């Protein structure tokens, strides 16, 4: 995961903590609330710009998504035919990676670890 994406997702997580979306009562659902409950990026143009801002080609993004699906599900079945779908899946993947790396057991620990990034 690129540093710029890690910083952006860290900021996103901190905003959700401050907004009260993430808390100790929904610890097992943090990833869902952050990266699956709603779109991370809305709009094809915005998604294309997001990829450009992080220096990711559309082919690199699609490849990352397909590799994730194969690793997790044994096959890749989703069609990545637009930037919005692809970027939202990347946010899902990278968000999962970030939360798994931190392995926080409560909201204070998560916030503390995110502030170190």
Protein backbone atom coordinates (compact mmCIF):
# COMPACT_ATOMS: atom_id res chain seq x y z
CA UNK A 1 0.00 0.00 0.00
CA UNK A 2 1.36 3.38 -0.98
CA UNK A 3 2.15 5.83 1.81
CA UNK A 4 -0.29 8.39 0.41
CA UNK A 5 -3.13 5.88 0.56
CA UNK A 6 -2.17 4.77 4.06
CA UNK A 7 -2.25 8.39 5.24
CA UNK A 8 -5.58 9.06 3.55
CA UNK A 9 -7.22 5.96 5.01
CA UNK A 10 -5.76 6.78 8.42
CA UNK A 11 -7.39 10.22 8.22
CA UNK A 12 -10.67 8.58 7.15
CA UNK A 13 -10.59 6.23 10.14
CA UNK A 14 -9.83 9.06 12.55
CA UNK A 15 -12.77 11.06 11.17
CA UNK A 16 -15.08 8.09 11.72
CA UNK A 17 -13.83 7.73 15.29
CA UNK A 18 -14.40 11.43 15.95
CA UNK A 19 -17.88 11.21 14.37
CA UNK A 20 -18.79 8.32 16.67
CA UNK A 21 -19.21 5.80 13.87
CA UNK A 22 -16.45 3.60 15.28
CA UNK A 23 -16.58 2.71 18.95
CA UNK A 24 -15.91 -0.20 21.27
CA UNK A 25 -19.41 -1.64 20.86
CA UNK A 26 -18.89 -2.30 17.14
CA UNK A 27 -15.23 -3.37 17.18
CA UNK A 28 -15.91 -6.46 15.05
CA UNK A 29 -17.59 -4.29 12.42
CA UNK A 30 -15.06 -1.47 12.09
CA UNK A 31 -13.95 -2.53 8.62
CA UNK A 32 -17.54 -2.84 7.45
CA UNK A 33 -18.50 0.61 8.73
CA UNK A 34 -15.41 2.23 7.23
CA UNK A 35 -15.09 0.59 3.84
CA UNK A 36 -18.16 -1.45 3.00
CA UNK A 37 -21.25 0.24 4.42
CA UNK A 38 -21.05 3.03 1.85
CA UNK A 39 -18.91 3.96 -1.12
CA UNK A 40 -15.52 5.40 -0.25
CA UNK A 41 -15.46 7.40 -3.50
CA UNK A 42 -18.57 8.35 -5.45
CA UNK A 43 -18.33 9.19 -9.14
CA UNK A 44 -16.29 7.89 -12.03
CA UNK A 45 -14.37 11.11 -12.47
CA UNK A 46 -13.56 11.39 -8.75
CA UNK A 47 -12.39 7.78 -8.73
CA UNK A 48 -10.18 8.33 -11.77
CA UNK A 49 -8.68 11.39 -10.10
CA UNK A 50 -8.12 9.37 -6.90
CA UNK A 51 -6.13 6.80 -8.85
CA UNK A 52 -4.07 9.54 -10.52
CA UNK A 53 -3.44 11.33 -7.21
CA UNK A 54 -1.95 8.13 -5.80
CA UNK A 55 -0.02 7.22 -8.93
CA UNK A 56 -1.93 4.02 -9.61
CA UNK A 57 -2.70 2.91 -13.15
CA UNK A 58 -6.09 1.40 -13.88
CA UNK A 59 -4.37 -1.88 -14.78
CA UNK A 60 -2.47 -1.98 -11.49
CA UNK A 61 -5.69 -1.26 -9.58
CA UNK A 62 -7.65 -3.97 -11.39
CA UNK A 63 -4.83 -6.46 -10.90
CA UNK A 64 -4.75 -5.75 -7.15
CA UNK A 65 -8.49 -6.30 -6.88
CA UNK A 66 -8.43 -9.52 -8.88
CA UNK A 67 -5.49 -10.92 -6.94
CA UNK A 68 -7.30 -10.17 -3.66
CA UNK A 69 -10.41 -12.01 -4.87
CA UNK A 70 -8.37 -15.01 -5.96
CA UNK A 71 -6.50 -15.11 -2.63
CA UNK A 72 -9.69 -14.79 -0.56
CA UNK A 73 -12.34 -16.53 -2.68
CA UNK A 74 -10.29 -18.78 -4.96
CA UNK A 75 -11.48 -16.96 -8.07
CA UNK A 76 -12.11 -13.49 -9.42
CA UNK A 77 -15.70 -13.01 -10.53
CA UNK A 78 -16.32 -9.28 -10.14
CA UNK A 79 -16.05 -7.12 -13.24
CA UNK A 80 -13.90 -4.02 -12.77
CA UNK A 81 -15.15 -2.03 -15.72
CA UNK A 82 -15.10 1.43 -14.16
CA UNK A 83 -12.93 3.46 -11.84
CA UNK A 84 -15.58 3.83 -9.13
CA UNK A 85 -16.00 0.09 -8.60
CA UNK A 86 -12.25 -0.45 -8.72
CA UNK A 87 -11.33 2.35 -6.29
CA UNK A 88 -13.98 1.31 -3.79
CA UNK A 89 -12.64 -2.24 -3.86
CA UNK A 90 -9.10 -0.92 -3.38
CA UNK A 91 -10.24 1.08 -0.37
CA UNK A 92 -11.88 -2.08 0.99
CA UNK A 93 -8.68 -4.09 0.50
CA UNK A 94 -6.29 -1.46 1.83
CA UNK A 95 -8.61 -0.65 4.73
CA UNK A 96 -8.67 -4.29 5.73
CA UNK A 97 -4.88 -4.43 5.48
CA UNK A 98 -4.47 -1.33 7.64
CA UNK A 99 -6.89 -2.48 10.35
CA UNK A 100 -5.36 -5.97 10.40
CA UNK A 101 -1.88 -4.51 10.79
CA UNK A 102 -2.95 -2.34 13.74
CA UNK A 103 -4.93 -5.11 15.51
CA UNK A 104 -6.41 -2.71 18.06
CA UNK A 105 -8.49 -4.19 20.87
CA UNK A 106 -10.40 -0.98 21.62
CA UNK A 107 -11.11 2.44 20.17
CA UNK A 108 -8.45 4.22 22.24
CA UNK A 109 -5.76 1.82 21.04
CA UNK A 110 -6.93 2.26 17.43
CA UNK A 111 -6.84 6.04 17.74
CA UNK A 112 -3.41 5.94 19.36
CA UNK A 113 -1.97 3.71 16.63
CA UNK A 114 -3.54 5.78 13.85
CA UNK A 115 -2.06 8.96 15.29
CA UNK A 116 1.41 7.37 15.02
CA UNK A 117 1.05 6.92 11.27
